[in-house]
Amino acid sequence: MSDFPACPQCAMENTYPDGGSVVCADCGHEWPIAVSVATDIGTLVRDVNGNVLATGDTVVVIKDLKVRGSSIPLKQGTVIKNIRLVEGDDEHIEGSSDKIKGLVLKVCFLKKA
């Protein structure tokens, strides 16, 4: 069994890398490796500017946000390091700031640093 995902066209698992693409040996369908990585996590998570976010990235808050359960707001320009993607959800990420731990943030208020 290969480490590459099943073919999106025929669903067979007989796939292999070929340069910057993944090829299905059964039907001959080709697709870029970058798309294969994105489909492994389920969905592409994009910031407000359209940049693709991945686990471990650093993001910056683009506007002041009130935080439920805390009297400390997240100010514009706050850096959130080492984010985690929420599985199956392309609108939220998990992360922590210096002062507030365990945040779940909407990506429409974030940009990649």
Protein backbone atom coordinates (compact mmCIF):
# COMPACT_ATOMS: atom_id res chain seq x y z
CA MET A 1 0.00 0.00 0.00
CA SER A 2 1.44 3.41 -0.95
CA ASP A 3 1.74 6.45 1.29
CA PHE A 4 -0.18 8.49 -1.26
CA PRO A 5 -3.96 8.99 -1.20
CA ALA A 6 -6.40 7.04 -3.31
CA CYS A 7 -7.23 8.35 -6.77
CA PRO A 8 -9.99 11.00 -6.63
CA GLN A 9 -11.36 9.79 -9.96
CA CYS A 10 -11.57 5.98 -9.58
CA ALA A 11 -10.90 5.60 -5.80
CA MET A 12 -8.21 2.94 -6.36
CA GLU A 13 -5.20 3.04 -4.04
CA ASN A 14 -2.58 2.06 -6.64
CA THR A 15 -0.95 5.53 -6.88
CA TYR A 16 2.66 6.66 -7.17
CA PRO A 17 4.63 9.95 -7.37
CA ASP A 18 5.87 11.20 -10.73
CA GLY A 19 7.78 14.48 -10.48
CA GLY A 20 5.42 17.03 -8.91
CA SER A 21 2.34 14.89 -9.50
CA VAL A 22 0.66 11.76 -8.23
CA VAL A 23 -0.42 9.24 -10.87
CA CYS A 24 -3.05 6.51 -10.62
CA ALA A 25 -1.72 3.31 -12.22
CA ASP A 26 -5.24 1.98 -12.77
CA CYS A 27 -6.96 4.84 -14.64
CA GLY A 28 -4.00 7.10 -15.52
CA HIS A 29 -5.42 10.16 -13.74
CA GLU A 30 -2.78 12.72 -12.62
CA TRP A 31 -3.04 15.46 -9.97
CA PRO A 32 -0.51 17.71 -8.18
CA ILE A 33 1.09 16.49 -4.95
CA ALA A 34 0.01 19.73 -3.17
CA VAL A 35 -3.64 18.79 -3.75
CA SER A 36 -2.93 15.33 -2.29
CA VAL A 37 -1.59 16.85 0.93
CA ALA A 38 -4.65 19.13 1.22
CA THR A 39 -7.10 16.28 0.73
CA ASP A 40 -5.41 14.29 3.51
CA ILE A 41 -6.64 16.86 6.06
CA GLY A 42 -10.06 16.98 4.45
CA THR A 43 -10.40 20.62 3.43
CA LEU A 44 -8.20 23.58 2.60
CA VAL A 45 -8.11 26.22 5.31
CA ARG A 46 -7.43 29.70 3.97
CA ASP A 47 -6.79 33.00 5.76
CA VAL A 48 -8.48 36.30 4.93
CA ASN A 49 -6.04 36.88 2.02
CA GLY A 50 -6.55 33.41 0.52
CA ASN A 51 -3.26 31.92 1.74
CA VAL A 52 -3.45 28.23 2.64
CA LEU A 53 -2.91 27.58 6.36
CA ALA A 54 -1.32 24.43 7.78
CA THR A 55 -0.76 23.05 11.26
CA GLY A 56 2.19 24.79 12.88
CA ASP A 57 1.81 28.09 10.99
CA THR A 58 1.88 31.49 12.64
CA VAL A 59 -1.03 33.90 12.08
CA VAL A 60 -1.81 37.52 13.02
CA VAL A 61 -5.19 38.86 14.19
CA ILE A 62 -6.42 41.60 11.79
CA LYS A 63 -8.94 43.31 14.11
CA ASP A 64 -9.69 43.58 17.83
CA LEU A 65 -11.72 40.60 19.04
CA LYS A 66 -13.66 40.06 22.24
CA VAL A 67 -12.88 36.69 23.83
CA ARG A 68 -15.71 34.82 25.53
CA GLY A 69 -14.89 33.88 29.09
CA SER A 70 -12.05 36.38 29.34
CA SER A 71 -11.83 40.06 30.20
CA ILE A 72 -8.74 40.40 27.98
CA PRO A 73 -9.50 41.18 24.31
CA LEU A 74 -7.31 39.99 21.44
CA LYS A 75 -5.84 43.16 19.97
CA GLN A 76 -5.16 43.73 16.29
CA GLY A 77 -1.65 42.49 15.49
CA THR A 78 -1.63 39.74 18.13
CA VAL A 79 0.49 36.81 16.96
CA ILE A 80 -0.89 33.28 17.31
CA LYS A 81 1.95 30.76 16.93
CA ASN A 82 1.82 27.06 16.18
CA ILE A 83 -1.84 26.85 15.11
CA ARG A 84 -3.75 23.59 14.79
CA LEU A 85 -6.38 22.95 12.12
CA VAL A 86 -9.80 21.75 13.25
CA GLU A 87 -10.49 18.49 11.44
CA GLY A 88 -13.38 18.76 8.99
CA ASP A 89 -13.79 22.52 9.54
CA ASP A 90 -12.32 25.04 7.11
CA GLU A 91 -13.52 28.12 9.03
CA HIS A 92 -11.81 27.66 12.43
CA ILE A 93 -8.32 27.07 13.84
CA GLU A 94 -7.09 26.35 17.35
CA GLY A 95 -4.21 28.20 18.95
CA SER A 96 -2.91 30.18 21.92
CA SER A 97 -1.69 33.71 22.40
CA ASP A 98 0.81 34.77 25.05
CA LYS A 99 -1.97 35.74 27.48
CA ILE A 100 -4.92 33.51 26.47
CA LYS A 101 -4.65 29.73 26.00
CA GLY A 102 -7.04 27.41 24.19
CA LEU A 103 -8.47 29.78 21.58
CA VAL A 104 -10.70 28.73 18.70
CA LEU A 105 -10.63 31.48 16.06
CA LYS A 106 -12.41 32.10 12.79
CA VAL A 107 -9.97 32.36 9.88
CA CYS A 108 -11.79 35.42 8.48
CA PHE A 109 -10.09 37.44 11.25
CA LEU A 110 -6.58 36.05 10.63
CA LYS A 111 -3.77 36.50 8.15
CA LYS A 112 -0.71 34.31 7.71
CA ALA A 113 2.45 35.82 9.20
